[in-house]
């Protein structure tokens, strides 16, 4: 992880969010539809987005294997993005 990213991380291993009432209602309804807790739903969405962004960043740096090989797993993309 780059130094600038590390400097912006909270000291504790937690993230605090303050959604509006409308945003929270939407998140709660979506989580209920699939039988998840709000925390599980939000964490899943955050991880999905982070993995996609890391994968796209690695691909943009042209460090991805040629297209005639197997798809790269998200963790591999993460490692490629920060090597």
PDB file of N, CA and C in Angstrom:
ATOM      1  N   UNK A   1       0.856  -1.172   0.000  1.00  0.00           N
ATOM      2  CA  UNK A   1       0.000   0.000   0.000  1.00  0.00           C
ATOM      3  C   UNK A   1       0.897   1.230   0.000  1.00  0.00           C
ATOM      4  N   UNK A   2       0.555   2.233  -0.774  1.00  0.00           N
ATOM      5  CA  UNK A   2       1.384   3.429  -0.838  1.00  0.00           C
ATOM      6  C   UNK A   2       1.324   4.185   0.483  1.00  0.00           C
ATOM      7  N   UNK A   3       2.369   4.969   0.725  1.00  0.00           N
ATOM      8  CA  UNK A   3       2.461   5.709   1.981  1.00  0.00           C
ATOM      9  C   UNK A   3       1.299   6.684   2.131  1.00  0.00           C
ATOM     10  N   UNK A   4       0.870   7.333   1.039  1.00  0.00           N
ATOM     11  CA  UNK A   4      -0.230   8.291   1.140  1.00  0.00           C
ATOM     12  C   UNK A   4      -1.526   7.623   1.571  1.00  0.00           C
ATOM     13  N   UNK A   5      -1.739   6.380   1.154  1.00  0.00           N
ATOM     14  CA  UNK A   5      -2.940   5.647   1.561  1.00  0.00           C
ATOM     15  C   UNK A   5      -2.847   5.305   3.038  1.00  0.00           C
ATOM     16  N   UNK A   6      -1.691   4.841   3.486  1.00  0.00           N
ATOM     17  CA  UNK A   6      -1.511   4.478   4.900  1.00  0.00           C
ATOM     18  C   UNK A   6      -1.760   5.669   5.820  1.00  0.00           C
ATOM     19  N   UNK A   7      -1.336   6.847   5.412  1.00  0.00           N
ATOM     20  CA  UNK A   7      -1.490   8.029   6.255  1.00  0.00           C
ATOM     21  C   UNK A   7      -2.950   8.400   6.458  1.00  0.00           C
ATOM     22  N   UNK A   8      -3.819   8.020   5.530  1.00  0.00           N
ATOM     23  CA  UNK A   8      -5.224   8.386   5.618  1.00  0.00           C
ATOM     24  C   UNK A   8      -6.068   7.349   6.345  1.00  0.00           C
ATOM     25  N   UNK A   9      -5.478   6.237   6.738  1.00  0.00           N
ATOM     26  CA  UNK A   9      -6.230   5.196   7.427  1.00  0.00           C
ATOM     27  C   UNK A   9      -6.481   5.582   8.871  1.00  0.00           C
ATOM     28  N   UNK A  10      -7.646   5.213   9.410  1.00  0.00           N
ATOM     29  CA  UNK A  10      -7.895   5.476  10.828  1.00  0.00           C
ATOM     30  C   UNK A  10      -6.960   4.643  11.687  1.00  0.00           C
ATOM     31  N   UNK A  11      -6.688   5.114  12.891  1.00  0.00           N
ATOM     32  CA  UNK A  11      -5.777   4.406  13.794  1.00  0.00           C
ATOM     33  C   UNK A  11      -6.337   3.034  14.173  1.00  0.00           C
ATOM     34  N   UNK A  12      -7.633   2.939  14.354  1.00  0.00           N
ATOM     35  CA  UNK A  12      -8.265   1.658  14.712  1.00  0.00           C
ATOM     36  C   UNK A  12      -8.592   0.879  13.440  1.00  0.00           C
ATOM     37  N   UNK A  13      -8.836  -0.398  13.601  1.00  0.00           N
ATOM     38  CA  UNK A  13      -9.198  -1.240  12.465  1.00  0.00           C
ATOM     39  C   UNK A  13     -10.705  -1.238  12.256  1.00  0.00           C
ATOM     40  N   UNK A  14     -11.275  -0.080  12.105  1.00  0.00           N
ATOM     41  CA  UNK A  14     -12.707   0.008  11.850  1.00  0.00           C
ATOM     42  C   UNK A  14     -12.986   1.221  10.977  1.00  0.00           C
ATOM     43  N   UNK A  15     -14.104   1.162  10.307  1.00  0.00           N
ATOM     44  CA  UNK A  15     -14.538   2.255   9.438  1.00  0.00           C
ATOM     45  C   UNK A  15     -15.881   2.733   9.965  1.00  0.00           C
ATOM     46  N   UNK A  16     -16.024   4.017  10.127  1.00  0.00           N
ATOM     47  CA  UNK A  16     -17.280   4.587  10.605  1.00  0.00           C
ATOM     48  C   UNK A  16     -17.959   5.302   9.449  1.00  0.00           C
ATOM     49  N   UNK A  17     -19.214   4.964   9.237  1.00  0.00           N
ATOM     50  CA  UNK A  17     -20.004   5.589   8.176  1.00  0.00           C
ATOM     51  C   UNK A  17     -21.196   6.306   8.793  1.00  0.00           C
ATOM     52  N   UNK A  18     -21.627   7.361   8.136  1.00  0.00           N
ATOM     53  CA  UNK A  18     -22.786   8.117   8.604  1.00  0.00           C
ATOM     54  C   UNK A  18     -23.748   8.332   7.428  1.00  0.00           C
ATOM     55  N   UNK A  19     -24.467   7.260   7.042  1.00  0.00           N
ATOM     56  CA  UNK A  19     -25.395   7.404   5.922  1.00  0.00           C
ATOM     57  C   UNK A  19     -26.608   8.241   6.325  1.00  0.00           C
ATOM     58  N   UNK A  20     -27.201   8.863   5.333  1.00  0.00           N
ATOM     59  CA  UNK A  20     -28.452   9.584   5.585  1.00  0.00           C
ATOM     60  C   UNK A  20     -29.532   8.544   5.881  1.00  0.00           C
ATOM     61  N   UNK A  21     -30.665   8.997   6.389  1.00  0.00           N
ATOM     62  CA  UNK A  21     -31.773   8.086   6.686  1.00  0.00           C
ATOM     63  C   UNK A  21     -32.225   7.366   5.420  1.00  0.00           C
ATOM     64  N   UNK A  22     -32.267   8.086   4.304  1.00  0.00           N
ATOM     65  CA  UNK A  22     -32.688   7.490   3.038  1.00  0.00           C
ATOM     66  C   UNK A  22     -31.669   6.437   2.562  1.00  0.00           C
ATOM     67  N   UNK A  23     -30.382   6.750   2.653  1.00  0.00           N
ATOM     68  CA  UNK A  23     -29.346   5.793   2.251  1.00  0.00           C
ATOM     69  C   UNK A  23     -29.413   4.534   3.108  1.00  0.00           C
ATOM     70  N   UNK A  24     -29.580   4.710   4.408  1.00  0.00           N
ATOM     71  CA  UNK A  24     -29.652   3.564   5.306  1.00  0.00           C
ATOM     72  C   UNK A  24     -30.875   2.707   5.016  1.00  0.00           C
ATOM     73  N   UNK A  25     -31.980   3.319   4.694  1.00  0.00           N
ATOM     74  CA  UNK A  25     -33.180   2.573   4.355  1.00  0.00           C
ATOM     75  C   UNK A  25     -32.946   1.708   3.119  1.00  0.00           C
ATOM     76  N   UNK A  26     -32.329   2.275   2.101  1.00  0.00           N
ATOM     77  CA  UNK A  26     -32.031   1.527   0.877  1.00  0.00           C
ATOM     78  C   UNK A  26     -31.108   0.351   1.187  1.00  0.00           C
ATOM     79  N   UNK A  27     -30.070   0.601   1.963  1.00  0.00           N
ATOM     80  CA  UNK A  27     -29.111  -0.459   2.312  1.00  0.00           C
ATOM     81  C   UNK A  27     -29.805  -1.556   3.125  1.00  0.00           C
ATOM     82  N   UNK A  28     -30.602  -1.157   4.110  1.00  0.00           N
ATOM     83  CA  UNK A  28     -31.318  -2.141   4.933  1.00  0.00           C
ATOM     84  C   UNK A  28     -32.246  -3.013   4.090  1.00  0.00           C
ATOM     85  N   UNK A  29     -33.006  -2.381   3.206  1.00  0.00           N
ATOM     86  CA  UNK A  29     -33.935  -3.137   2.356  1.00  0.00           C
ATOM     87  C   UNK A  29     -33.193  -4.127   1.475  1.00  0.00           C
ATOM     88  N   UNK A  30     -32.091  -3.692   0.879  1.00  0.00           N
ATOM     89  CA  UNK A  30     -31.303  -4.582   0.015  1.00  0.00           C
ATOM     90  C   UNK A  30     -30.724  -5.739   0.818  1.00  0.00           C
ATOM     91  N   UNK A  31     -30.218  -5.457   1.998  1.00  0.00           N
ATOM     92  CA  UNK A  31     -29.656  -6.507   2.850  1.00  0.00           C
ATOM     93  C   UNK A  31     -30.736  -7.507   3.256  1.00  0.00           C
ATOM     94  N   UNK A  32     -31.901  -7.011   3.626  1.00  0.00           N
ATOM     95  CA  UNK A  32     -33.015  -7.883   4.018  1.00  0.00           C
ATOM     96  C   UNK A  32     -33.446  -8.792   2.874  1.00  0.00           C
ATOM     97  N   UNK A  33     -33.441  -8.260   1.659  1.00  0.00           N
ATOM     98  CA  UNK A  33     -33.856  -9.060   0.500  1.00  0.00           C
ATOM     99  C   UNK A  33     -33.034 -10.332   0.327  1.00  0.00           C
ATOM    100  N   UNK A  34     -31.766 -10.253   0.683  1.00  0.00           N
ATOM    101  CA  UNK A  34     -30.914 -11.439   0.517  1.00  0.00           C
ATOM    102  C   UNK A  34     -30.580 -12.112   1.843  1.00  0.00           C
ATOM    103  N   UNK A  35     -31.203 -11.644   2.923  1.00  0.00           N
ATOM    104  CA  UNK A  35     -31.026 -12.287   4.223  1.00  0.00           C
ATOM    105  C   UNK A  35     -29.701 -11.999   4.903  1.00  0.00           C
ATOM    106  N   UNK A  36     -29.108 -10.861   4.605  1.00  0.00           N
ATOM    107  CA  UNK A  36     -27.829 -10.484   5.211  1.00  0.00           C
ATOM    108  C   UNK A  36     -28.042  -9.380   6.235  1.00  0.00           C
ATOM    109  N   UNK A  37     -27.061  -9.222   7.111  1.00  0.00           N
ATOM    110  CA  UNK A  37     -27.051  -8.068   7.999  1.00  0.00           C
ATOM    111  C   UNK A  37     -26.586  -6.862   7.200  1.00  0.00           C
ATOM    112  N   UNK A  38     -26.871  -5.681   7.702  1.00  0.00           N
ATOM    113  CA  UNK A  38     -26.404  -4.463   7.047  1.00  0.00           C
ATOM    114  C   UNK A  38     -24.880  -4.469   6.980  1.00  0.00           C
ATOM    115  N   UNK A  39     -24.222  -4.866   8.051  1.00  0.00           N
ATOM    116  CA  UNK A  39     -22.759  -4.911   8.076  1.00  0.00           C
ATOM    117  C   UNK A  39     -22.216  -5.845   7.004  1.00  0.00           C
ATOM    118  N   UNK A  40     -22.784  -7.052   6.909  1.00  0.00           N
ATOM    119  CA  UNK A  40     -22.321  -7.994   5.888  1.00  0.00           C
ATOM    120  C   UNK A  40     -22.556  -7.447   4.489  1.00  0.00           C
ATOM    121  N   UNK A  41     -23.697  -6.822   4.284  1.00  0.00           N
ATOM    122  CA  UNK A  41     -24.026  -6.272   2.971  1.00  0.00           C
ATOM    123  C   UNK A  41     -23.054  -5.157   2.579  1.00  0.00           C
ATOM    124  N   UNK A  42     -22.823  -4.235   3.505  1.00  0.00           N
ATOM    125  CA  UNK A  42     -21.925  -3.113   3.227  1.00  0.00           C
ATOM    126  C   UNK A  42     -20.501  -3.615   3.002  1.00  0.00           C
ATOM    127  N   UNK A  43     -20.031  -4.545   3.826  1.00  0.00           N
ATOM    128  CA  UNK A  43     -18.672  -5.071   3.673  1.00  0.00           C
ATOM    129  C   UNK A  43     -18.513  -5.767   2.323  1.00  0.00           C
ATOM    130  N   UNK A  44     -19.513  -6.521   1.921  1.00  0.00           N
ATOM    131  CA  UNK A  44     -19.457  -7.204   0.638  1.00  0.00           C
ATOM    132  C   UNK A  44     -19.383  -6.196  -0.509  1.00  0.00           C
ATOM    133  N   UNK A  45     -20.200  -5.153  -0.439  1.00  0.00           N
ATOM    134  CA  UNK A  45     -20.202  -4.132  -1.483  1.00  0.00           C
ATOM    135  C   UNK A  45     -18.862  -3.397  -1.533  1.00  0.00           C
ATOM    136  N   UNK A  46     -18.322  -3.085  -0.374  1.00  0.00           N
ATOM    137  CA  UNK A  46     -17.027  -2.403  -0.324  1.00  0.00           C
ATOM    138  C   UNK A  46     -15.915  -3.266  -0.906  1.00  0.00           C
ATOM    139  N   UNK A  47     -15.902  -4.540  -0.539  1.00  0.00           N
ATOM    140  CA  UNK A  47     -14.867  -5.433  -1.049  1.00  0.00           C
ATOM    141  C   UNK A  47     -15.013  -5.656  -2.550  1.00  0.00           C
ATOM    142  N   UNK A  48     -16.249  -5.817  -3.023  1.00  0.00           N
ATOM    143  CA  UNK A  48     -16.466  -5.969  -4.464  1.00  0.00           C
ATOM    144  C   UNK A  48     -15.897  -4.769  -5.222  1.00  0.00           C
ATOM    145  N   UNK A  49     -16.196  -3.579  -4.743  1.00  0.00           N
ATOM    146  CA  UNK A  49     -15.726  -2.359  -5.407  1.00  0.00           C
ATOM    147  C   UNK A  49     -14.205  -2.246  -5.324  1.00  0.00           C
ATOM    148  N   UNK A  50     -13.639  -2.545  -4.158  1.00  0.00           N
ATOM    149  CA  UNK A  50     -12.186  -2.456  -4.003  1.00  0.00           C
ATOM    150  C   UNK A  50     -11.474  -3.433  -4.932  1.00  0.00           C
ATOM    151  N   UNK A  51     -11.969  -4.660  -5.007  1.00  0.00           N
ATOM    152  CA  UNK A  51     -11.353  -5.652  -5.885  1.00  0.00           C
ATOM    153  C   UNK A  51     -11.452  -5.226  -7.342  1.00  0.00           C
ATOM    154  N   UNK A  52     -12.593  -4.683  -7.756  1.00  0.00           N
ATOM    155  CA  UNK A  52     -12.758  -4.233  -9.135  1.00  0.00           C
ATOM    156  C   UNK A  52     -11.804  -3.087  -9.451  1.00  0.00           C
ATOM    157  N   UNK A  53     -11.699  -2.120  -8.535  1.00  0.00           N
ATOM    158  CA  UNK A  53     -10.804  -0.994  -8.770  1.00  0.00           C
ATOM    159  C   UNK A  53      -9.345  -1.439  -8.836  1.00  0.00           C
ATOM    160  N   UNK A  54      -8.950  -2.360  -7.955  1.00  0.00           N
ATOM    161  CA  UNK A  54      -7.581  -2.858  -7.974  1.00  0.00           C
ATOM    162  C   UNK A  54      -7.296  -3.635  -9.249  1.00  0.00           C
ATOM    163  N   UNK A  55      -8.244  -4.431  -9.680  1.00  0.00           N
ATOM    164  CA  UNK A  55      -8.090  -5.200 -10.911  1.00  0.00           C
ATOM    165  C   UNK A  55      -7.941  -4.252 -12.105  1.00  0.00           C
ATOM    166  N   UNK A  56      -8.796  -3.243 -12.171  1.00  0.00           N
ATOM    167  CA  UNK A  56      -8.731  -2.288 -13.276  1.00  0.00           C
ATOM    168  C   UNK A  56      -7.422  -1.509 -13.258  1.00  0.00           C
ATOM    169  N   UNK A  57      -6.950  -1.158 -12.066  1.00  0.00           N
ATOM    170  CA  UNK A  57      -5.681  -0.436 -11.948  1.00  0.00           C
ATOM    171  C   UNK A  57      -4.526  -1.298 -12.457  1.00  0.00           C
ATOM    172  N   UNK A  58      -4.517  -2.568 -12.054  1.00  0.00           N
ATOM    173  CA  UNK A  58      -3.461  -3.474 -12.507  1.00  0.00           C
ATOM    174  C   UNK A  58      -3.528  -3.664 -14.019  1.00  0.00           C
ATOM    175  N   UNK A  59      -4.730  -3.783 -14.563  1.00  0.00           N
ATOM    176  CA  UNK A  59      -4.881  -3.955 -16.003  1.00  0.00           C
ATOM    177  C   UNK A  59      -4.400  -2.717 -16.745  1.00  0.00           C
ATOM    178  N   UNK A  60      -4.679  -1.546 -16.204  1.00  0.00           N
ATOM    179  CA  UNK A  60      -4.259  -0.303 -16.842  1.00  0.00           C
ATOM    180  C   UNK A  60      -2.734  -0.178 -16.853  1.00  0.00           C
ATOM    181  N   UNK A  61      -2.098  -0.760 -15.880  1.00  0.00           N
ATOM    182  CA  UNK A  61      -0.630  -0.728 -15.813  1.00  0.00           C
ATOM    183  C   UNK A  61      -0.014  -1.788 -16.721  1.00  0.00           C
ATOM    184  N   UNK A  62      -0.850  -2.531 -17.421  1.00  0.00           N
ATOM    185  CA  UNK A  62      -0.429  -3.570 -18.361  1.00  0.00           C
ATOM    186  C   UNK A  62       0.432  -4.636 -17.704  1.00  0.00           C
ATOM    187  N   UNK A  63       0.126  -4.932 -16.446  1.00  0.00           N
ATOM    188  CA  UNK A  63       0.843  -5.988 -15.748  1.00  0.00           C
ATOM    189  C   UNK A  63       0.049  -7.285 -15.729  1.00  0.00           C
ATOM    190  N   UNK A  64      -1.068  -7.272 -16.408  1.00  0.00           N
ATOM    191  CA  UNK A  64      -1.895  -8.458 -16.434  1.00  0.00           C
ATOM    192  C   UNK A  64      -1.348  -9.420 -17.485  1.00  0.00           C
ATOM    193  N   UNK A  65      -1.556 -10.728 -17.293  1.00  0.00           N
ATOM    194  CA  UNK A  65      -1.119 -11.689 -18.298  1.00  0.00           C
ATOM    195  C   UNK A  65      -1.871 -11.495 -19.609  1.00  0.00           C
ATOM    196  N   UNK A  66      -1.348 -11.998 -20.708  1.00  0.00           N
ATOM    197  CA  UNK A  66      -2.058 -11.894 -21.986  1.00  0.00           C
ATOM    198  C   UNK A  66      -3.459 -12.484 -21.886  1.00  0.00           C
ATOM    199  N   UNK A  67      -4.347 -12.034 -22.749  1.00  0.00           N
ATOM    200  CA  UNK A  67      -5.749 -12.438 -22.678  1.00  0.00           C
ATOM    201  C   UNK A  67      -5.968 -13.907 -23.014  1.00  0.00           C
ATOM    202  N   UNK A  68      -4.984 -14.604 -23.565  1.00  0.00           N
ATOM    203  CA  UNK A  68      -5.171 -16.003 -23.916  1.00  0.00           C
ATOM    204  C   UNK A  68      -4.884 -16.944 -22.746  1.00  0.00           C
ATOM    205  N   UNK A  69      -4.751 -16.406 -21.532  1.00  0.00           N
ATOM    206  CA  UNK A  69      -4.519 -17.225 -20.342  1.00  0.00           C
ATOM    207  C   UNK A  69      -5.748 -17.176 -19.442  1.00  0.00           C
ATOM    208  N   UNK A  70      -5.674 -17.879 -18.344  1.00  0.00           N
ATOM    209  CA  UNK A  70      -6.770 -17.904 -17.375  1.00  0.00           C
ATOM    210  C   UNK A  70      -7.013 -16.510 -16.801  1.00  0.00           C
ATOM    211  N   UNK A  71      -8.254 -16.187 -16.409  1.00  0.00           N
ATOM    212  CA  UNK A  71      -8.523 -14.895 -15.758  1.00  0.00           C
ATOM    213  C   UNK A  71      -7.732 -14.776 -14.455  1.00  0.00           C
ATOM    214  N   UNK A  72      -7.401 -13.569 -14.102  1.00  0.00           N
ATOM    215  CA  UNK A  72      -6.634 -13.316 -12.889  1.00  0.00           C
ATOM    216  C   UNK A  72      -7.592 -13.146 -11.717  1.00  0.00           C
ATOM    217  N   UNK A  73      -7.304 -13.814 -10.616  1.00  0.00           N
ATOM    218  CA  UNK A  73      -8.120 -13.698  -9.408  1.00  0.00           C
ATOM    219  C   UNK A  73      -7.934 -12.312  -8.797  1.00  0.00           C
ATOM    220  N   UNK A  74      -8.933 -11.816  -8.059  1.00  0.00           N
ATOM    221  CA  UNK A  74      -8.821 -10.484  -7.459  1.00  0.00           C
ATOM    222  C   UNK A  74      -7.594 -10.314  -6.573  1.00  0.00           C
ATOM    223  N   UNK A  75      -7.245 -11.331  -5.805  1.00  0.00           N
ATOM    224  CA  UNK A  75      -6.076 -11.197  -4.933  1.00  0.00           C
ATOM    225  C   UNK A  75      -4.806 -11.047  -5.764  1.00  0.00           C
ATOM    226  N   UNK A  76      -4.718 -11.760  -6.876  1.00  0.00           N
ATOM    227  CA  UNK A  76      -3.567 -11.630  -7.765  1.00  0.00           C
ATOM    228  C   UNK A  76      -3.502 -10.217  -8.328  1.00  0.00           C
ATOM    229  N   UNK A  77      -4.649  -9.679  -8.721  1.00  0.00           N
ATOM    230  CA  UNK A  77      -4.695  -8.302  -9.231  1.00  0.00           C
ATOM    231  C   UNK A  77      -4.226  -7.326  -8.164  1.00  0.00           C
ATOM    232  N   UNK A  78      -4.628  -7.565  -6.926  1.00  0.00           N
ATOM    233  CA  UNK A  78      -4.193  -6.719  -5.822  1.00  0.00           C
ATOM    234  C   UNK A  78      -2.683  -6.765  -5.691  1.00  0.00           C
ATOM    235  N   UNK A  79      -2.112  -7.950  -5.710  1.00  0.00           N
ATOM    236  CA  UNK A  79      -0.675  -8.091  -5.594  1.00  0.00           C
ATOM    237  C   UNK A  79       0.050  -7.440  -6.770  1.00  0.00           C
ATOM    238  N   UNK A  80      -0.485  -7.584  -7.960  1.00  0.00           N
ATOM    239  CA  UNK A  80       0.124  -6.967  -9.135  1.00  0.00           C
ATOM    240  C   UNK A  80       0.073  -5.442  -9.057  1.00  0.00           C
ATOM    241  N   UNK A  81      -0.996  -4.917  -8.487  1.00  0.00           N
ATOM    242  CA  UNK A  81      -1.159  -3.472  -8.406  1.00  0.00           C
ATOM    243  C   UNK A  81      -0.134  -2.820  -7.492  1.00  0.00           C
ATOM    244  N   UNK A  82       0.361  -3.552  -6.534  1.00  0.00           N
ATOM    245  CA  UNK A  82       1.268  -2.964  -5.543  1.00  0.00           C
ATOM    246  C   UNK A  82       2.631  -3.621  -5.503  1.00  0.00           C
ATOM    247  N   UNK A  83       3.080  -4.155  -6.636  1.00  0.00           N
ATOM    248  CA  UNK A  83       4.431  -4.716  -6.691  1.00  0.00           C
ATOM    249  C   UNK A  83       5.347  -3.792  -7.439  1.00  0.00           C
TER     250      UNK A  83
END
